[in-house]
Amino acid sequence: MQLEAQSREEKLKALSIELSITKEKLEFAGTLAFHGCWYICDGDPHPFCMTCWETKKLAVHLHDVGEVGSGYRKDCLTCKNIFIDKM
């Protein structure tokens, strides 16, 4: 019986941790706003990849490349997409 009770406690603890992580993810998702061709989050100067977020719910910061002829370029090092925000 002690083993059974211990197993239930471990499962409950694991579920509690999972619930906490899920709540954090939901709170984070609520702070994201779509801005042109990427997502931004209040208080974070680096935008997030639109493709990674919308397809896999991965919050991947975009890599600043800089100005290009037609705008400002940022690359995603995860999905390899290129984003250009028109100036």
PDB file of N, CA and C in Angstrom:
ATOM      1  N   MET A   1       0.813  -1.202   0.000  1.00  0.00           N
ATOM      2  CA  MET A   1       0.000   0.000   0.000  1.00  0.00           C
ATOM      3  C   MET A   1       0.852   1.260   0.000  1.00  0.00           C
ATOM      4  N   GLN A   2       1.980   1.206   0.716  1.00  0.00           N
ATOM      5  CA  GLN A   2       2.855   2.372   0.730  1.00  0.00           C
ATOM      6  C   GLN A   2       3.401   2.667  -0.656  1.00  0.00           C
ATOM      7  N   LEU A   3       3.767   1.631  -1.401  1.00  0.00           N
ATOM      8  CA  LEU A   3       4.270   1.825  -2.758  1.00  0.00           C
ATOM      9  C   LEU A   3       3.208   2.440  -3.650  1.00  0.00           C
ATOM     10  N   GLU A   4       1.974   1.991  -3.470  1.00  0.00           N
ATOM     11  CA  GLU A   4       0.874   2.523  -4.262  1.00  0.00           C
ATOM     12  C   GLU A   4       0.644   4.000  -3.934  1.00  0.00           C
ATOM     13  N   ALA A   5       0.675   4.341  -2.662  1.00  0.00           N
ATOM     14  CA  ALA A   5       0.493   5.731  -2.242  1.00  0.00           C
ATOM     15  C   ALA A   5       1.640   6.599  -2.748  1.00  0.00           C
ATOM     16  N   GLN A   6       2.852   6.065  -2.699  1.00  0.00           N
ATOM     17  CA  GLN A   6       4.019   6.805  -3.169  1.00  0.00           C
ATOM     18  C   GLN A   6       3.919   7.037  -4.680  1.00  0.00           C
ATOM     19  N   SER A   7       3.477   6.020  -5.397  1.00  0.00           N
ATOM     20  CA  SER A   7       3.312   6.133  -6.843  1.00  0.00           C
ATOM     21  C   SER A   7       2.276   7.207  -7.185  1.00  0.00           C
ATOM     22  N   ARG A   8       1.201   7.247  -6.433  1.00  0.00           N
ATOM     23  CA  ARG A   8       0.163   8.265  -6.657  1.00  0.00           C
ATOM     24  C   ARG A   8       0.704   9.661  -6.363  1.00  0.00           C
ATOM     25  N   GLU A   9       1.491   9.781  -5.303  1.00  0.00           N
ATOM     26  CA  GLU A   9       2.102  11.071  -4.968  1.00  0.00           C
ATOM     27  C   GLU A   9       3.021  11.541  -6.084  1.00  0.00           C
ATOM     28  N   GLU A  10       3.823  10.632  -6.623  1.00  0.00           N
ATOM     29  CA  GLU A  10       4.735  10.973  -7.711  1.00  0.00           C
ATOM     30  C   GLU A  10       3.959  11.399  -8.952  1.00  0.00           C
ATOM     31  N   LYS A  11       2.882  10.699  -9.260  1.00  0.00           N
ATOM     32  CA  LYS A  11       2.051  11.056 -10.409  1.00  0.00           C
ATOM     33  C   LYS A  11       1.404  12.419 -10.202  1.00  0.00           C
ATOM     34  N   LEU A  12       0.930  12.669  -8.992  1.00  0.00           N
ATOM     35  CA  LEU A  12       0.311  13.951  -8.673  1.00  0.00           C
ATOM     36  C   LEU A  12       1.321  15.087  -8.803  1.00  0.00           C
ATOM     37  N   LYS A  13       2.527  14.857  -8.324  1.00  0.00           N
ATOM     38  CA  LYS A  13       3.577  15.874  -8.422  1.00  0.00           C
ATOM     39  C   LYS A  13       3.920  16.148  -9.887  1.00  0.00           C
ATOM     40  N   ALA A  14       4.032  15.085 -10.698  1.00  0.00           N
ATOM     41  CA  ALA A  14       4.323  15.242 -12.120  1.00  0.00           C
ATOM     42  C   ALA A  14       3.211  16.019 -12.825  1.00  0.00           C
ATOM     43  N   LEU A  15       1.968  15.712 -12.494  1.00  0.00           N
ATOM     44  CA  LEU A  15       0.834  16.424 -13.090  1.00  0.00           C
ATOM     45  C   LEU A  15       0.808  17.885 -12.663  1.00  0.00           C
ATOM     46  N   SER A  16       1.172  18.145 -11.432  1.00  0.00           N
ATOM     47  CA  SER A  16       1.223  19.516 -10.929  1.00  0.00           C
ATOM     48  C   SER A  16       2.282  20.327 -11.685  1.00  0.00           C
ATOM     49  N   ILE A  17       3.428  19.720 -11.929  1.00  0.00           N
ATOM     50  CA  ILE A  17       4.484  20.388 -12.685  1.00  0.00           C
ATOM     51  C   ILE A  17       4.035  20.639 -14.117  1.00  0.00           C
ATOM     52  N   GLU A  18       3.406  19.642 -14.723  1.00  0.00           N
ATOM     53  CA  GLU A  18       2.906  19.779 -16.093  1.00  0.00           C
ATOM     54  C   GLU A  18       1.872  20.899 -16.192  1.00  0.00           C
ATOM     55  N   LEU A  19       0.989  20.976 -15.212  1.00  0.00           N
ATOM     56  CA  LEU A  19      -0.025  22.026 -15.183  1.00  0.00           C
ATOM     57  C   LEU A  19       0.627  23.397 -15.060  1.00  0.00           C
ATOM     58  N   SER A  20       1.630  23.507 -14.218  1.00  0.00           N
ATOM     59  CA  SER A  20       2.342  24.770 -14.037  1.00  0.00           C
ATOM     60  C   SER A  20       3.005  25.223 -15.337  1.00  0.00           C
ATOM     61  N   ILE A  21       3.638  24.290 -16.036  1.00  0.00           N
ATOM     62  CA  ILE A  21       4.291  24.609 -17.311  1.00  0.00           C
ATOM     63  C   ILE A  21       3.256  25.039 -18.347  1.00  0.00           C
ATOM     64  N   THR A  22       2.126  24.356 -18.394  1.00  0.00           N
ATOM     65  CA  THR A  22       1.065  24.693 -19.333  1.00  0.00           C
ATOM     66  C   THR A  22       0.518  26.087 -19.055  1.00  0.00           C
ATOM     67  N   LYS A  23       0.340  26.425 -17.789  1.00  0.00           N
ATOM     68  CA  LYS A  23      -0.134  27.763 -17.422  1.00  0.00           C
ATOM     69  C   LYS A  23       0.854  28.829 -17.874  1.00  0.00           C
ATOM     70  N   GLU A  24       2.148  28.580 -17.689  1.00  0.00           N
ATOM     71  CA  GLU A  24       3.173  29.531 -18.118  1.00  0.00           C
ATOM     72  C   GLU A  24       3.128  29.729 -19.634  1.00  0.00           C
ATOM     73  N   LYS A  25       2.960  28.647 -20.374  1.00  0.00           N
ATOM     74  CA  LYS A  25       2.884  28.731 -21.831  1.00  0.00           C
ATOM     75  C   LYS A  25       1.675  29.539 -22.271  1.00  0.00           C
ATOM     76  N   LEU A  26       0.538  29.312 -21.619  1.00  0.00           N
ATOM     77  CA  LEU A  26      -0.676  30.064 -21.958  1.00  0.00           C
ATOM     78  C   LEU A  26      -0.511  31.547 -21.647  1.00  0.00           C
ATOM     79  N   GLU A  27       0.082  31.855 -20.511  1.00  0.00           N
ATOM     80  CA  GLU A  27       0.324  33.252 -20.158  1.00  0.00           C
ATOM     81  C   GLU A  27       1.241  33.908 -21.176  1.00  0.00           C
ATOM     82  N   PHE A  28       2.303  33.201 -21.581  1.00  0.00           N
ATOM     83  CA  PHE A  28       3.230  33.740 -22.573  1.00  0.00           C
ATOM     84  C   PHE A  28       2.516  33.969 -23.896  1.00  0.00           C
ATOM     85  N   ALA A  29       1.731  33.000 -24.329  1.00  0.00           N
ATOM     86  CA  ALA A  29       1.012  33.118 -25.602  1.00  0.00           C
ATOM     87  C   ALA A  29       0.105  34.349 -25.598  1.00  0.00           C
ATOM     88  N   GLY A  30      -0.457  34.663 -24.449  1.00  0.00           N
ATOM     89  CA  GLY A  30      -1.325  35.825 -24.333  1.00  0.00           C
ATOM     90  C   GLY A  30      -0.599  37.147 -24.436  1.00  0.00           C
ATOM     91  N   THR A  31       0.716  37.137 -24.289  1.00  0.00           N
ATOM     92  CA  THR A  31       1.487  38.380 -24.365  1.00  0.00           C
ATOM     93  C   THR A  31       2.013  38.654 -25.764  1.00  0.00           C
ATOM     94  N   LEU A  32       1.921  37.674 -26.659  1.00  0.00           N
ATOM     95  CA  LEU A  32       2.437  37.851 -28.018  1.00  0.00           C
ATOM     96  C   LEU A  32       1.452  38.626 -28.882  1.00  0.00           C
ATOM     97  N   ALA A  33       2.000  39.470 -29.736  1.00  0.00           N
ATOM     98  CA  ALA A  33       1.186  40.224 -30.690  1.00  0.00           C
ATOM     99  C   ALA A  33       1.853  40.142 -32.059  1.00  0.00           C
ATOM    100  N   PHE A  34       1.051  39.944 -33.088  1.00  0.00           N
ATOM    101  CA  PHE A  34       1.589  39.866 -34.442  1.00  0.00           C
ATOM    102  C   PHE A  34       1.925  41.263 -34.914  1.00  0.00           C
ATOM    103  N   HIS A  35       3.128  41.402 -35.474  1.00  0.00           N
ATOM    104  CA  HIS A  35       3.589  42.717 -35.923  1.00  0.00           C
ATOM    105  C   HIS A  35       4.235  42.571 -37.300  1.00  0.00           C
ATOM    106  N   GLY A  36       3.470  42.769 -38.337  1.00  0.00           N
ATOM    107  CA  GLY A  36       4.004  42.724 -39.695  1.00  0.00           C
ATOM    108  C   GLY A  36       4.317  41.314 -40.159  1.00  0.00           C
ATOM    109  N   CYS A  37       5.504  40.832 -39.848  1.00  0.00           N
ATOM    110  CA  CYS A  37       5.886  39.495 -40.302  1.00  0.00           C
ATOM    111  C   CYS A  37       6.533  38.677 -39.190  1.00  0.00           C
ATOM    112  N   TRP A  38       6.368  39.102 -37.944  1.00  0.00           N
ATOM    113  CA  TRP A  38       6.851  38.338 -36.795  1.00  0.00           C
ATOM    114  C   TRP A  38       6.029  38.681 -35.564  1.00  0.00           C
ATOM    115  N   TYR A  39       6.259  37.988 -34.493  1.00  0.00           N
ATOM    116  CA  TYR A  39       5.550  38.243 -33.236  1.00  0.00           C
ATOM    117  C   TYR A  39       6.459  39.011 -32.286  1.00  0.00           C
ATOM    118  N   ILE A  40       5.837  39.892 -31.521  1.00  0.00           N
ATOM    119  CA  ILE A  40       6.578  40.625 -30.502  1.00  0.00           C
ATOM    120  C   ILE A  40       5.927  40.370 -29.149  1.00  0.00           C
ATOM    121  N   CYS A  41       6.715  40.575 -28.110  1.00  0.00           N
ATOM    122  CA  CYS A  41       6.254  40.383 -26.739  1.00  0.00           C
ATOM    123  C   CYS A  41       6.675  41.601 -25.940  1.00  0.00           C
ATOM    124  N   ASP A  42       5.749  42.152 -25.173  1.00  0.00           N
ATOM    125  CA  ASP A  42       6.071  43.322 -24.345  1.00  0.00           C
ATOM    126  C   ASP A  42       7.297  43.061 -23.490  1.00  0.00           C
ATOM    127  N   GLY A  43       8.207  44.004 -23.506  1.00  0.00           N
ATOM    128  CA  GLY A  43       9.390  43.903 -22.666  1.00  0.00           C
ATOM    129  C   GLY A  43      10.523  43.100 -23.283  1.00  0.00           C
ATOM    130  N   ASP A  44      10.309  42.516 -24.450  1.00  0.00           N
ATOM    131  CA  ASP A  44      11.356  41.735 -25.114  1.00  0.00           C
ATOM    132  C   ASP A  44      11.702  42.447 -26.422  1.00  0.00           C
ATOM    133  N   PRO A  45      12.918  42.949 -26.556  1.00  0.00           N
ATOM    134  CA  PRO A  45      13.275  43.703 -27.763  1.00  0.00           C
ATOM    135  C   PRO A  45      13.460  42.832 -29.009  1.00  0.00           C
ATOM    136  N   HIS A  46      13.510  41.526 -28.847  1.00  0.00           N
ATOM    137  CA  HIS A  46      13.751  40.636 -29.967  1.00  0.00           C
ATOM    138  C   HIS A  46      12.461  39.953 -30.401  1.00  0.00           C
ATOM    139  N   PRO A  47      12.093  40.072 -31.680  1.00  0.00           N
ATOM    140  CA  PRO A  47      10.858  39.434 -32.158  1.00  0.00           C
ATOM    141  C   PRO A  47      11.012  37.921 -32.290  1.00  0.00           C
ATOM    142  N   PHE A  48       9.868  37.261 -32.412  1.00  0.00           N
ATOM    143  CA  PHE A  48       9.808  35.810 -32.515  1.00  0.00           C
ATOM    144  C   PHE A  48       9.385  35.387 -33.913  1.00  0.00           C
ATOM    145  N   CYS A  49       9.858  34.231 -34.341  1.00  0.00           N
ATOM    146  CA  CYS A  49       9.554  33.696 -35.663  1.00  0.00           C
ATOM    147  C   CYS A  49       8.069  33.344 -35.781  1.00  0.00           C
ATOM    148  N   MET A  50       7.445  33.890 -36.802  1.00  0.00           N
ATOM    149  CA  MET A  50       6.036  33.627 -37.064  1.00  0.00           C
ATOM    150  C   MET A  50       5.815  32.156 -37.423  1.00  0.00           C
ATOM    151  N   THR A  51       6.678  31.598 -38.245  1.00  0.00           N
ATOM    152  CA  THR A  51       6.512  30.222 -38.704  1.00  0.00           C
ATOM    153  C   THR A  51       6.648  29.235 -37.554  1.00  0.00           C
ATOM    154  N   CYS A  52       7.689  29.384 -36.758  1.00  0.00           N
ATOM    155  CA  CYS A  52       7.905  28.462 -35.635  1.00  0.00           C
ATOM    156  C   CYS A  52       6.768  28.551 -34.625  1.00  0.00           C
ATOM    157  N   TRP A  53       6.294  29.779 -34.362  1.00  0.00           N
ATOM    158  CA  TRP A  53       5.218  29.936 -33.378  1.00  0.00           C
ATOM    159  C   TRP A  53       3.911  29.349 -33.893  1.00  0.00           C
ATOM    160  N   GLU A  54       3.559  29.658 -35.141  1.00  0.00           N
ATOM    161  CA  GLU A  54       2.261  29.236 -35.661  1.00  0.00           C
ATOM    162  C   GLU A  54       2.190  27.751 -36.004  1.00  0.00           C
ATOM    163  N   THR A  55       3.310  27.121 -36.277  1.00  0.00           N
ATOM    164  CA  THR A  55       3.282  25.706 -36.647  1.00  0.00           C
ATOM    165  C   THR A  55       3.600  24.767 -35.487  1.00  0.00           C
ATOM    166  N   LYS A  56       4.523  25.194 -34.606  1.00  0.00           N
ATOM    167  CA  LYS A  56       4.968  24.296 -33.545  1.00  0.00           C
ATOM    168  C   LYS A  56       4.864  24.888 -32.141  1.00  0.00           C
ATOM    169  N   LYS A  57       4.364  26.115 -32.044  1.00  0.00           N
ATOM    170  CA  LYS A  57       4.279  26.834 -30.764  1.00  0.00           C
ATOM    171  C   LYS A  57       5.649  26.939 -30.092  1.00  0.00           C
ATOM    172  N   LEU A  58       6.680  27.128 -30.937  1.00  0.00           N
ATOM    173  CA  LEU A  58       8.031  27.352 -30.438  1.00  0.00           C
ATOM    174  C   LEU A  58       8.323  28.843 -30.484  1.00  0.00           C
ATOM    175  N   ALA A  59       8.718  29.407 -29.362  1.00  0.00           N
ATOM    176  CA  ALA A  59       9.061  30.824 -29.293  1.00  0.00           C
ATOM    177  C   ALA A  59      10.553  30.961 -29.609  1.00  0.00           C
ATOM    178  N   VAL A  60      10.835  31.195 -30.886  1.00  0.00           N
ATOM    179  CA  VAL A  60      12.218  31.281 -31.355  1.00  0.00           C
ATOM    180  C   VAL A  60      12.524  32.729 -31.725  1.00  0.00           C
ATOM    181  N   HIS A  61      13.525  33.302 -31.068  1.00  0.00           N
ATOM    182  CA  HIS A  61      13.923  34.666 -31.411  1.00  0.00           C
ATOM    183  C   HIS A  61      14.545  34.699 -32.803  1.00  0.00           C
ATOM    184  N   LEU A  62      14.264  35.788 -33.507  1.00  0.00           N
ATOM    185  CA  LEU A  62      14.841  35.974 -34.829  1.00  0.00           C
ATOM    186  C   LEU A  62      16.219  36.616 -34.710  1.00  0.00           C
ATOM    187  N   HIS A  63      17.081  36.249 -35.633  1.00  0.00           N
ATOM    188  CA  HIS A  63      18.446  36.766 -35.691  1.00  0.00           C
ATOM    189  C   HIS A  63      18.462  38.024 -36.548  1.00  0.00           C
ATOM    190  N   ASP A  64      18.985  39.132 -35.986  1.00  0.00           N
ATOM    191  CA  ASP A  64      19.078  40.386 -36.741  1.00  0.00           C
ATOM    192  C   ASP A  64      20.149  40.278 -37.813  1.00  0.00           C
ATOM    193  N   VAL A  65      19.747  40.540 -39.053  1.00  0.00           N
ATOM    194  CA  VAL A  65      20.712  40.572 -40.149  1.00  0.00           C
ATOM    195  C   VAL A  65      21.041  42.019 -40.476  1.00  0.00           C
ATOM    196  N   GLY A  66      20.027  42.867 -40.444  1.00  0.00           N
ATOM    197  CA  GLY A  66      20.236  44.289 -40.698  1.00  0.00           C
ATOM    198  C   GLY A  66      19.431  44.766 -41.881  1.00  0.00           C
ATOM    199  N   GLU A  67      19.767  45.972 -42.303  1.00  0.00           N
ATOM    200  CA  GLU A  67      19.038  46.585 -43.409  1.00  0.00           C
ATOM    201  C   GLU A  67      19.425  45.934 -44.721  1.00  0.00           C
ATOM    202  N   VAL A  68      18.417  45.701 -45.534  1.00  0.00           N
ATOM    203  CA  VAL A  68      18.614  45.238 -46.911  1.00  0.00           C
ATOM    204  C   VAL A  68      17.907  46.246 -47.803  1.00  0.00           C
ATOM    205  N   GLY A  69      18.072  46.124 -49.087  1.00  0.00           N
ATOM    206  CA  GLY A  69      17.503  47.116 -50.004  1.00  0.00           C
ATOM    207  C   GLY A  69      16.047  47.438 -49.783  1.00  0.00           C
ATOM    208  N   SER A  70      15.247  46.450 -49.462  1.00  0.00           N
ATOM    209  CA  SER A  70      13.803  46.679 -49.377  1.00  0.00           C
ATOM    210  C   SER A  70      13.259  46.775 -47.951  1.00  0.00           C
ATOM    211  N   GLY A  71      14.111  46.703 -46.948  1.00  0.00           N
ATOM    212  CA  GLY A  71      13.618  46.778 -45.573  1.00  0.00           C
ATOM    213  C   GLY A  71      14.638  46.273 -44.572  1.00  0.00           C
ATOM    214  N   TYR A  72      14.126  45.761 -43.469  1.00  0.00           N
ATOM    215  CA  TYR A  72      14.978  45.263 -42.397  1.00  0.00           C
ATOM    216  C   TYR A  72      14.821  43.745 -42.314  1.00  0.00           C
ATOM    217  N   ARG A  73      15.944  43.023 -42.391  1.00  0.00           N
ATOM    218  CA  ARG A  73      15.896  41.555 -42.467  1.00  0.00           C
ATOM    219  C   ARG A  73      16.234  40.893 -41.134  1.00  0.00           C
ATOM    220  N   LYS A  74      15.444  39.858 -40.839  1.00  0.00           N
ATOM    221  CA  LYS A  74      15.692  39.001 -39.682  1.00  0.00           C
ATOM    222  C   LYS A  74      15.539  37.561 -40.153  1.00  0.00           C
ATOM    223  N   ASP A  75      16.409  36.681 -39.671  1.00  0.00           N
ATOM    224  CA  ASP A  75      16.388  35.276 -40.069  1.00  0.00           C
ATOM    225  C   ASP A  75      16.063  34.391 -38.872  1.00  0.00           C
ATOM    226  N   CYS A  76      15.372  33.287 -39.135  1.00  0.00           N
ATOM    227  CA  CYS A  76      15.144  32.287 -38.109  1.00  0.00           C
ATOM    228  C   CYS A  76      16.184  31.186 -38.293  1.00  0.00           C
ATOM    229  N   LEU A  77      16.979  30.962 -37.273  1.00  0.00           N
ATOM    230  CA  LEU A  77      18.021  29.950 -37.355  1.00  0.00           C
ATOM    231  C   LEU A  77      17.466  28.545 -37.142  1.00  0.00           C
ATOM    232  N   THR A  78      16.190  28.446 -36.744  1.00  0.00           N
ATOM    233  CA  THR A  78      15.562  27.143 -36.527  1.00  0.00           C
ATOM    234  C   THR A  78      14.899  26.623 -37.802  1.00  0.00           C
ATOM    235  N   CYS A  79      13.976  27.408 -38.370  1.00  0.00           N
ATOM    236  CA  CYS A  79      13.251  26.952 -39.564  1.00  0.00           C
ATOM    237  C   CYS A  79      13.874  27.480 -40.860  1.00  0.00           C
ATOM    238  N   LYS A  80      14.860  28.357 -40.731  1.00  0.00           N
ATOM    239  CA  LYS A  80      15.618  28.906 -41.876  1.00  0.00           C
ATOM    240  C   LYS A  80      14.824  29.895 -42.727  1.00  0.00           C
ATOM    241  N   ASN A  81      13.690  30.380 -42.236  1.00  0.00           N
ATOM    242  CA  ASN A  81      12.933  31.380 -42.976  1.00  0.00           C
ATOM    243  C   ASN A  81      13.585  32.738 -42.837  1.00  0.00           C
ATOM    244  N   ILE A  82      13.375  33.565 -43.853  1.00  0.00           N
ATOM    245  CA  ILE A  82      13.894  34.933 -43.891  1.00  0.00           C
ATOM    246  C   ILE A  82      12.692  35.865 -43.854  1.00  0.00           C
ATOM    247  N   PHE A  83      12.778  36.881 -43.009  1.00  0.00           N
ATOM    248  CA  PHE A  83      11.685  37.852 -42.878  1.00  0.00           C
ATOM    249  C   PHE A  83      12.233  39.244 -43.167  1.00  0.00           C
ATOM    250  N   ILE A  84      11.501  39.988 -43.993  1.00  0.00           N
ATOM    251  CA  ILE A  84      11.899  41.362 -44.296  1.00  0.00           C
ATOM    252  C   ILE A  84      10.726  42.267 -43.984  1.00  0.00           C
ATOM    253  N   ASP A  85      10.948  43.173 -43.046  1.00  0.00           N
ATOM    254  CA  ASP A  85       9.936  44.154 -42.660  1.00  0.00           C
ATOM    255  C   ASP A  85      10.189  45.398 -43.492  1.00  0.00           C
ATOM    256  N   LYS A  86       9.206  45.768 -44.286  1.00  0.00           N
ATOM    257  CA  LYS A  86       9.352  46.952 -45.148  1.00  0.00           C
ATOM    258  C   LYS A  86       9.518  48.187 -44.297  1.00  0.00           C
ATOM    259  N   MET A  87      10.456  49.016 -44.675  1.00  0.00           N
ATOM    260  CA  MET A  87      10.724  50.260 -43.923  1.00  0.00           C
ATOM    261  C   MET A  87       9.716  51.316 -44.266  1.00  0.00           C
TER     262      MET A  87
END
